[in-house]
N, C-alpha and C. Protein backbone atom coordinates (compact mmCIF):
# COMPACT_ATOMS: atom_id res chain seq x y z
N MET A 1 136.32 99.73 170.35
CA MET A 1 137.70 100.00 170.62
C MET A 1 137.80 101.41 171.23
N ARG A 2 138.56 101.53 172.29
CA ARG A 2 138.70 102.82 172.96
C ARG A 2 139.78 103.65 172.31
N GLU A 3 139.58 104.96 172.28
CA GLU A 3 140.57 105.86 171.72
C GLU A 3 141.71 106.05 172.71
N LEU A 4 142.90 106.20 172.16
CA LEU A 4 144.05 106.54 173.01
C LEU A 4 143.92 107.99 173.46
N ARG A 5 144.32 108.24 174.65
CA ARG A 5 144.28 109.61 175.16
C ARG A 5 145.69 110.20 175.15
N ILE A 6 145.75 111.47 174.88
CA ILE A 6 147.03 112.17 174.85
C ILE A 6 147.68 112.10 176.23
N ARG A 7 146.88 112.16 177.26
CA ARG A 7 147.40 112.10 178.63
C ARG A 7 148.17 110.80 178.88
N THR A 8 147.66 109.70 178.40
CA THR A 8 148.33 108.41 178.57
C THR A 8 149.67 108.40 177.84
N LEU A 9 149.67 108.90 176.62
CA LEU A 9 150.90 108.93 175.83
C LEU A 9 151.91 109.91 176.43
N ALA A 10 151.44 111.05 176.92
CA ALA A 10 152.34 112.02 177.55
C ALA A 10 152.95 111.45 178.82
N LEU A 11 152.16 110.71 179.58
CA LEU A 11 152.67 110.07 180.79
C LEU A 11 153.76 109.06 180.45
N ALA A 12 153.53 108.26 179.40
CA ALA A 12 154.54 107.30 178.97
C ALA A 12 155.81 108.01 178.52
N PHE A 13 155.65 109.11 177.77
CA PHE A 13 156.79 109.89 177.31
C PHE A 13 157.62 110.42 178.48
N VAL A 14 156.95 111.03 179.44
CA VAL A 14 157.65 111.64 180.59
C VAL A 14 158.28 110.56 181.47
N ALA A 15 157.53 109.50 181.76
CA ALA A 15 158.06 108.44 182.64
C ALA A 15 159.29 107.78 182.03
N VAL A 16 159.22 107.42 180.78
CA VAL A 16 160.37 106.79 180.14
C VAL A 16 161.51 107.79 179.98
N GLY A 17 161.18 109.04 179.71
CA GLY A 17 162.21 110.08 179.61
C GLY A 17 162.99 110.23 180.91
N LEU A 18 162.28 110.26 182.02
CA LEU A 18 162.94 110.36 183.33
C LEU A 18 163.79 109.13 183.63
N LEU A 19 163.24 107.97 183.31
CA LEU A 19 164.01 106.74 183.53
C LEU A 19 165.25 106.70 182.63
N ALA A 20 165.12 107.15 181.40
CA ALA A 20 166.26 107.16 180.48
C ALA A 20 167.33 108.14 180.96
N TRP A 21 166.91 109.30 181.44
CA TRP A 21 167.86 110.29 181.95
C TRP A 21 168.60 109.72 183.16
N ALA A 22 167.86 109.12 184.10
CA ALA A 22 168.48 108.54 185.29
C ALA A 22 169.37 107.36 184.90
N GLY A 23 168.91 106.53 183.99
CA GLY A 23 169.71 105.40 183.53
C GLY A 23 170.99 105.84 182.83
N ALA A 24 170.91 106.91 182.04
CA ALA A 24 172.10 107.43 181.36
C ALA A 24 173.11 107.97 182.38
N ARG A 25 172.62 108.64 183.40
CA ARG A 25 173.53 109.14 184.46
C ARG A 25 174.21 107.98 185.18
N LEU A 26 173.44 106.95 185.48
CA LEU A 26 173.99 105.78 186.17
C LEU A 26 174.99 105.06 185.28
N TRP A 27 174.64 104.89 184.01
CA TRP A 27 175.53 104.20 183.07
C TRP A 27 176.84 104.96 182.92
N GLN A 28 176.74 106.28 182.81
CA GLN A 28 177.95 107.11 182.67
C GLN A 28 178.82 107.02 183.92
N ALA A 29 178.21 106.84 185.08
CA ALA A 29 178.97 106.74 186.32
C ALA A 29 179.80 105.46 186.37
N PHE A 30 179.31 104.40 185.73
CA PHE A 30 180.02 103.13 185.75
C PHE A 30 180.81 102.83 184.49
N GLY A 31 180.71 103.68 183.51
CA GLY A 31 181.43 103.45 182.26
C GLY A 31 181.03 104.51 181.25
N SER A 32 181.16 104.18 180.00
CA SER A 32 180.83 105.12 178.94
C SER A 32 179.47 104.78 178.35
N LEU A 33 178.63 105.76 178.25
CA LEU A 33 177.30 105.59 177.67
C LEU A 33 177.43 105.22 176.20
N PRO A 34 176.71 104.20 175.73
CA PRO A 34 176.78 103.84 174.31
C PRO A 34 176.19 104.95 173.44
N GLY A 35 176.55 104.94 172.18
CA GLY A 35 176.09 105.98 171.26
C GLY A 35 174.61 105.85 170.92
N VAL A 36 174.08 106.93 170.40
CA VAL A 36 172.69 106.96 169.94
C VAL A 36 172.70 106.51 168.47
N PRO A 37 171.86 105.55 168.10
CA PRO A 37 171.85 105.07 166.71
C PRO A 37 171.55 106.20 165.73
N ALA A 38 172.36 106.32 164.71
CA ALA A 38 172.20 107.40 163.73
C ALA A 38 170.92 107.24 162.91
N ALA A 39 170.44 106.02 162.77
CA ALA A 39 169.24 105.78 161.96
C ALA A 39 167.95 106.04 162.72
N ALA A 40 168.00 106.23 164.01
CA ALA A 40 166.78 106.37 164.82
C ALA A 40 165.85 107.49 164.33
N PRO A 41 166.36 108.70 164.09
CA PRO A 41 165.42 109.74 163.63
C PRO A 41 164.79 109.42 162.28
N TYR A 42 165.56 108.78 161.41
CA TYR A 42 165.05 108.46 160.07
C TYR A 42 163.95 107.39 160.14
N VAL A 43 164.15 106.39 160.96
CA VAL A 43 163.15 105.33 161.08
C VAL A 43 161.86 105.89 161.69
N LEU A 44 162.00 106.68 162.74
CA LEU A 44 160.82 107.26 163.38
C LEU A 44 160.11 108.24 162.44
N ALA A 45 160.86 109.00 161.68
CA ALA A 45 160.26 109.93 160.72
C ALA A 45 159.54 109.17 159.60
N LEU A 46 160.12 108.07 159.16
CA LEU A 46 159.49 107.25 158.12
C LEU A 46 158.15 106.70 158.61
N ILE A 47 158.11 106.26 159.86
CA ILE A 47 156.86 105.76 160.43
C ILE A 47 155.83 106.89 160.52
N ALA A 48 156.27 108.07 160.92
CA ALA A 48 155.37 109.23 161.00
C ALA A 48 154.81 109.59 159.63
N VAL A 49 155.65 109.55 158.60
CA VAL A 49 155.19 109.86 157.25
C VAL A 49 154.19 108.81 156.77
N ALA A 50 154.45 107.55 157.05
CA ALA A 50 153.53 106.48 156.65
C ALA A 50 152.17 106.65 157.34
N LEU A 51 152.19 106.99 158.62
CA LEU A 51 150.94 107.21 159.34
C LEU A 51 150.19 108.41 158.78
N LEU A 52 150.89 109.48 158.49
CA LEU A 52 150.26 110.68 157.95
C LEU A 52 149.70 110.42 156.56
N ALA A 53 150.45 109.71 155.73
CA ALA A 53 149.97 109.39 154.38
C ALA A 53 148.71 108.53 154.45
N GLY A 54 148.71 107.56 155.33
CA GLY A 54 147.53 106.73 155.50
C GLY A 54 146.33 107.53 155.98
N ALA A 55 146.56 108.44 156.90
CA ALA A 55 145.47 109.26 157.43
C ALA A 55 144.90 110.17 156.35
N LEU A 56 145.77 110.80 155.58
CA LEU A 56 145.30 111.70 154.53
C LEU A 56 144.54 110.94 153.44
N SER A 57 145.02 109.76 153.09
CA SER A 57 144.36 108.95 152.08
C SER A 57 142.98 108.50 152.56
N LEU A 58 142.93 107.99 153.77
CA LEU A 58 141.64 107.55 154.31
C LEU A 58 140.67 108.71 154.48
N ARG A 59 141.18 109.85 154.89
CA ARG A 59 140.31 111.02 155.07
C ARG A 59 139.68 111.43 153.74
N ALA A 60 140.48 111.44 152.68
CA ALA A 60 139.95 111.81 151.36
C ALA A 60 138.91 110.79 150.88
N ARG A 61 139.21 109.51 151.07
CA ARG A 61 138.27 108.47 150.64
C ARG A 61 136.97 108.52 151.44
N LEU A 62 137.07 108.75 152.74
CA LEU A 62 135.86 108.83 153.57
C LEU A 62 135.04 110.06 153.21
N LYS A 63 135.70 111.16 152.92
CA LYS A 63 134.98 112.38 152.53
C LYS A 63 134.23 112.16 151.22
N ALA A 64 134.91 111.54 150.25
CA ALA A 64 134.26 111.27 148.96
C ALA A 64 133.09 110.31 149.14
N GLN A 65 133.24 109.34 150.03
CA GLN A 65 132.18 108.38 150.28
C GLN A 65 130.99 109.06 150.96
N ARG A 66 131.26 109.93 151.94
CA ARG A 66 130.18 110.64 152.63
C ARG A 66 129.41 111.57 151.70
N GLU A 67 130.14 112.23 150.79
CA GLU A 67 129.50 113.17 149.87
C GLU A 67 128.91 112.47 148.65
N ARG A 68 129.04 111.14 148.61
CA ARG A 68 128.52 110.32 147.53
C ARG A 68 128.95 110.81 146.15
N GLN A 69 130.24 111.08 146.04
CA GLN A 69 130.80 111.51 144.77
C GLN A 69 130.81 110.34 143.80
N PRO A 70 130.52 110.60 142.52
CA PRO A 70 130.53 109.50 141.55
C PRO A 70 131.93 108.91 141.42
N GLY A 71 131.98 107.60 141.41
CA GLY A 71 133.27 106.91 141.27
C GLY A 71 134.09 106.89 142.55
N ALA A 72 133.49 107.29 143.67
CA ALA A 72 134.22 107.29 144.94
C ALA A 72 134.48 105.86 145.40
N LYS A 73 135.70 105.61 145.75
CA LYS A 73 136.07 104.28 146.24
C LYS A 73 135.79 104.23 147.73
N GLY A 74 134.96 103.32 148.15
CA GLY A 74 134.58 103.21 149.55
C GLY A 74 135.72 102.67 150.41
N VAL A 75 135.52 102.77 151.70
CA VAL A 75 136.50 102.29 152.66
C VAL A 75 135.94 101.05 153.34
N ASP A 76 136.67 99.97 153.23
CA ASP A 76 136.28 98.72 153.88
C ASP A 76 136.39 98.91 155.40
N PRO A 77 135.37 98.56 156.17
CA PRO A 77 135.45 98.72 157.62
C PRO A 77 136.63 97.97 158.25
N LEU A 78 136.98 96.83 157.68
CA LEU A 78 138.11 96.08 158.20
C LEU A 78 139.42 96.85 157.97
N LEU A 79 139.53 97.53 156.83
CA LEU A 79 140.71 98.35 156.55
C LEU A 79 140.81 99.49 157.57
N ALA A 80 139.69 100.13 157.85
CA ALA A 80 139.69 101.22 158.83
C ALA A 80 140.06 100.71 160.21
N THR A 81 139.56 99.54 160.56
CA THR A 81 139.90 98.95 161.86
C THR A 81 141.38 98.64 161.95
N ARG A 82 141.93 98.09 160.89
CA ARG A 82 143.37 97.80 160.88
C ARG A 82 144.18 99.09 160.97
N ALA A 83 143.71 100.13 160.31
CA ALA A 83 144.41 101.41 160.37
C ALA A 83 144.42 101.96 161.80
N VAL A 84 143.31 101.82 162.49
CA VAL A 84 143.24 102.30 163.88
C VAL A 84 144.16 101.48 164.77
N VAL A 85 144.17 100.17 164.57
CA VAL A 85 145.05 99.32 165.37
C VAL A 85 146.51 99.67 165.11
N PHE A 86 146.86 99.89 163.84
CA PHE A 86 148.23 100.30 163.50
C PHE A 86 148.56 101.64 164.13
N ALA A 87 147.62 102.57 164.08
CA ALA A 87 147.85 103.90 164.67
C ALA A 87 148.06 103.81 166.18
N GLN A 88 147.21 103.05 166.84
CA GLN A 88 147.34 102.94 168.29
C GLN A 88 148.62 102.23 168.70
N ALA A 89 148.96 101.16 167.99
CA ALA A 89 150.20 100.45 168.30
C ALA A 89 151.40 101.35 168.06
N SER A 90 151.37 102.10 166.98
CA SER A 90 152.48 103.00 166.68
C SER A 90 152.61 104.09 167.74
N ALA A 91 151.50 104.64 168.17
CA ALA A 91 151.54 105.67 169.20
C ALA A 91 152.04 105.13 170.53
N LEU A 92 151.59 103.91 170.86
CA LEU A 92 152.02 103.31 172.13
C LEU A 92 153.50 102.94 172.14
N VAL A 93 154.08 102.78 170.97
CA VAL A 93 155.52 102.52 170.89
C VAL A 93 156.30 103.82 170.72
N ALA A 94 155.78 104.72 169.89
CA ALA A 94 156.51 105.96 169.59
C ALA A 94 156.62 106.88 170.80
N ALA A 95 155.62 106.92 171.65
CA ALA A 95 155.67 107.82 172.81
C ALA A 95 156.80 107.44 173.77
N PRO A 96 156.92 106.18 174.21
CA PRO A 96 158.04 105.85 175.08
C PRO A 96 159.40 105.92 174.38
N VAL A 97 159.45 105.58 173.10
CA VAL A 97 160.72 105.66 172.37
C VAL A 97 161.16 107.11 172.27
N ALA A 98 160.22 108.01 171.99
CA ALA A 98 160.54 109.43 171.96
C ALA A 98 160.99 109.91 173.34
N GLY A 99 160.34 109.42 174.38
CA GLY A 99 160.76 109.76 175.75
C GLY A 99 162.16 109.25 176.05
N LEU A 100 162.48 108.05 175.57
CA LEU A 100 163.82 107.50 175.77
C LEU A 100 164.87 108.40 175.15
N TYR A 101 164.66 108.77 173.90
CA TYR A 101 165.64 109.63 173.23
C TYR A 101 165.67 111.04 173.82
N ALA A 102 164.52 111.52 174.28
CA ALA A 102 164.51 112.83 174.92
C ALA A 102 165.30 112.80 176.23
N GLY A 103 165.11 111.75 177.01
CA GLY A 103 165.86 111.63 178.27
C GLY A 103 167.35 111.52 178.05
N VAL A 104 167.76 110.72 177.08
CA VAL A 104 169.19 110.60 176.78
C VAL A 104 169.71 111.92 176.22
N GLY A 105 168.91 112.58 175.39
CA GLY A 105 169.33 113.87 174.84
C GLY A 105 169.51 114.92 175.91
N VAL A 106 168.62 114.96 176.88
CA VAL A 106 168.77 115.91 177.99
C VAL A 106 170.03 115.60 178.79
N PHE A 107 170.29 114.33 179.00
CA PHE A 107 171.53 113.96 179.71
C PHE A 107 172.75 114.42 178.92
N LEU A 108 172.72 114.23 177.61
CA LEU A 108 173.88 114.58 176.78
C LEU A 108 174.10 116.08 176.67
N LEU A 109 173.14 116.88 177.08
CA LEU A 109 173.33 118.34 177.06
C LEU A 109 174.48 118.77 177.97
N GLU A 110 174.81 117.96 178.96
CA GLU A 110 175.92 118.27 179.87
C GLU A 110 177.28 118.13 179.18
N TYR A 111 177.31 117.43 178.05
CA TYR A 111 178.57 117.11 177.39
C TYR A 111 178.67 117.73 175.99
N LEU A 112 178.09 118.89 175.80
CA LEU A 112 178.09 119.52 174.48
C LEU A 112 179.47 119.96 174.01
N GLU A 113 180.41 120.11 174.93
CA GLU A 113 181.76 120.52 174.53
C GLU A 113 182.53 119.39 173.84
N ILE A 114 182.06 118.16 174.00
CA ILE A 114 182.68 117.01 173.34
C ILE A 114 181.95 116.82 172.00
N PRO A 115 182.66 116.92 170.87
CA PRO A 115 181.99 116.86 169.57
C PRO A 115 181.16 115.59 169.35
N ALA A 116 181.65 114.43 169.75
CA ALA A 116 180.90 113.19 169.54
C ALA A 116 179.60 113.21 170.35
N ARG A 117 179.67 113.69 171.58
CA ARG A 117 178.46 113.74 172.42
C ARG A 117 177.49 114.80 171.91
N ARG A 118 178.01 115.89 171.34
CA ARG A 118 177.14 116.92 170.76
C ARG A 118 176.35 116.33 169.59
N ASP A 119 177.04 115.56 168.75
CA ASP A 119 176.36 114.91 167.63
C ASP A 119 175.31 113.92 168.12
N GLN A 120 175.63 113.19 169.17
CA GLN A 120 174.66 112.24 169.73
C GLN A 120 173.47 112.98 170.34
N ALA A 121 173.72 114.13 170.96
CA ALA A 121 172.62 114.91 171.53
C ALA A 121 171.69 115.40 170.42
N LEU A 122 172.25 115.84 169.31
CA LEU A 122 171.43 116.28 168.18
C LEU A 122 170.63 115.11 167.61
N THR A 123 171.28 113.98 167.45
CA THR A 123 170.59 112.80 166.93
C THR A 123 169.46 112.39 167.87
N ALA A 124 169.72 112.39 169.17
CA ALA A 124 168.68 112.04 170.14
C ALA A 124 167.54 113.05 170.11
N GLY A 125 167.86 114.32 169.96
CA GLY A 125 166.83 115.35 169.87
C GLY A 125 165.95 115.18 168.64
N PHE A 126 166.59 114.92 167.50
CA PHE A 126 165.82 114.70 166.27
C PHE A 126 164.99 113.43 166.37
N ALA A 127 165.52 112.40 167.01
CA ALA A 127 164.75 111.16 167.19
C ALA A 127 163.53 111.41 168.08
N ALA A 128 163.72 112.21 169.14
CA ALA A 128 162.59 112.53 170.01
C ALA A 128 161.53 113.32 169.25
N LEU A 129 161.95 114.28 168.44
CA LEU A 129 160.99 115.06 167.64
C LEU A 129 160.27 114.18 166.62
N ALA A 130 161.00 113.28 165.98
CA ALA A 130 160.37 112.38 165.01
C ALA A 130 159.40 111.44 165.71
N GLY A 131 159.72 111.02 166.93
CA GLY A 131 158.80 110.18 167.70
C GLY A 131 157.53 110.92 168.06
N VAL A 132 157.67 112.18 168.46
CA VAL A 132 156.49 112.99 168.77
C VAL A 132 155.65 113.22 167.51
N ALA A 133 156.31 113.41 166.37
CA ALA A 133 155.58 113.55 165.10
C ALA A 133 154.83 112.26 164.78
N GLY A 134 155.44 111.12 165.08
CA GLY A 134 154.77 109.85 164.87
C GLY A 134 153.54 109.70 165.74
N VAL A 135 153.64 110.14 166.99
CA VAL A 135 152.49 110.09 167.89
C VAL A 135 151.38 111.00 167.37
N ALA A 136 151.75 112.20 166.92
CA ALA A 136 150.75 113.13 166.39
C ALA A 136 150.07 112.55 165.14
N ALA A 137 150.85 111.97 164.25
CA ALA A 137 150.27 111.37 163.04
C ALA A 137 149.37 110.19 163.38
N ALA A 138 149.77 109.40 164.37
CA ALA A 138 148.95 108.26 164.79
C ALA A 138 147.63 108.72 165.40
N LEU A 139 147.67 109.77 166.20
CA LEU A 139 146.44 110.29 166.77
C LEU A 139 145.53 110.88 165.69
N PHE A 140 146.13 111.49 164.67
CA PHE A 140 145.35 112.02 163.55
C PHE A 140 144.69 110.88 162.78
N LEU A 141 145.42 109.81 162.53
CA LEU A 141 144.85 108.65 161.84
C LEU A 141 143.72 108.04 162.66
N GLN A 142 143.90 107.96 163.95
CA GLN A 142 142.84 107.45 164.83
C GLN A 142 141.61 108.34 164.74
N HIS A 143 141.82 109.65 164.70
CA HIS A 143 140.70 110.60 164.61
C HIS A 143 139.97 110.46 163.27
N VAL A 144 140.73 110.29 162.20
CA VAL A 144 140.12 110.15 160.87
C VAL A 144 139.22 108.93 160.80
N CYS A 145 139.61 107.85 161.44
CA CYS A 145 138.86 106.59 161.37
C CYS A 145 137.73 106.50 162.39
N ARG A 146 137.53 107.54 163.17
CA ARG A 146 136.48 107.52 164.18
C ARG A 146 135.10 107.54 163.52
N LEU A 147 134.19 106.78 164.07
CA LEU A 147 132.83 106.75 163.56
C LEU A 147 132.12 108.05 163.92
N PRO A 148 131.24 108.53 163.04
CA PRO A 148 130.49 109.74 163.38
C PRO A 148 129.56 109.48 164.56
N GLU A 149 129.36 110.50 165.35
CA GLU A 149 128.48 110.38 166.52
C GLU A 149 127.04 110.21 166.07
N ASP A 150 126.27 109.46 166.85
CA ASP A 150 124.85 109.30 166.56
C ASP A 150 124.12 110.59 166.90
N ASP A 151 123.09 110.92 166.09
CA ASP A 151 122.31 112.13 166.35
C ASP A 151 121.40 111.93 167.55
N ASP A 152 120.81 110.74 167.67
CA ASP A 152 119.92 110.44 168.78
C ASP A 152 120.71 109.74 169.87
N GLU A 153 120.96 110.47 170.97
CA GLU A 153 121.78 109.89 172.03
C GLU A 153 121.04 108.78 172.78
N GLY A 154 119.70 108.86 172.84
CA GLY A 154 118.95 107.88 173.60
C GLY A 154 118.68 106.60 172.84
N VAL A 155 118.84 106.62 171.52
CA VAL A 155 118.53 105.45 170.69
C VAL A 155 119.84 104.76 170.34
N ARG A 156 119.91 103.48 170.65
CA ARG A 156 121.08 102.68 170.31
C ARG A 156 120.73 101.70 169.22
N PRO A 157 121.73 101.25 168.44
CA PRO A 157 121.42 100.28 167.39
C PRO A 157 120.79 99.04 167.99
N GLY A 158 119.73 98.58 167.34
CA GLY A 158 119.06 97.36 167.79
C GLY A 158 117.96 97.62 168.80
N THR A 159 117.75 98.89 169.18
CA THR A 159 116.67 99.20 170.12
C THR A 159 115.69 100.14 169.43
N ALA A 160 114.49 100.12 169.87
CA ALA A 160 113.45 101.00 169.29
C ALA A 160 113.43 102.31 170.07
N GLY A 161 113.38 103.39 169.34
CA GLY A 161 113.29 104.70 170.00
C GLY A 161 111.86 104.99 170.39
N SER A 162 111.62 105.75 171.49
CA SER A 162 110.26 106.04 171.89
C SER A 162 109.89 107.44 171.58
């Protein structure tokens, strides 16, 4: 399985952010832009906390397993694989969602004198920050589950070294 790159996620964030900003301008030109969901920052923050908790738990268990501590509970490879898949899927969703809220938030900066739009801009900003936190936690979980590098670069599993 290939690791996600920050560059890919940043590109998704920026591209969706620009599209969201342009879409919000267009929507406002033809009518009133709908509100930003108040629960968005909380949901994204909850996902970020779950990813971080999983990463910290797996990191502690892997460390105990590597150091062969007595009573250390091992990590099932299938569990680690599922954690990586969850982390990558979360990052691939959180980056564009954070970009969406960032783009809408930047658009709403033009309307800060209107109290309702100011509140929506704050909500969109917090949602974008929570989305970025989710991406960071997902990348950390992916890093925790990475296999250690082989010491012998020329020897691969299943081949004889010379």
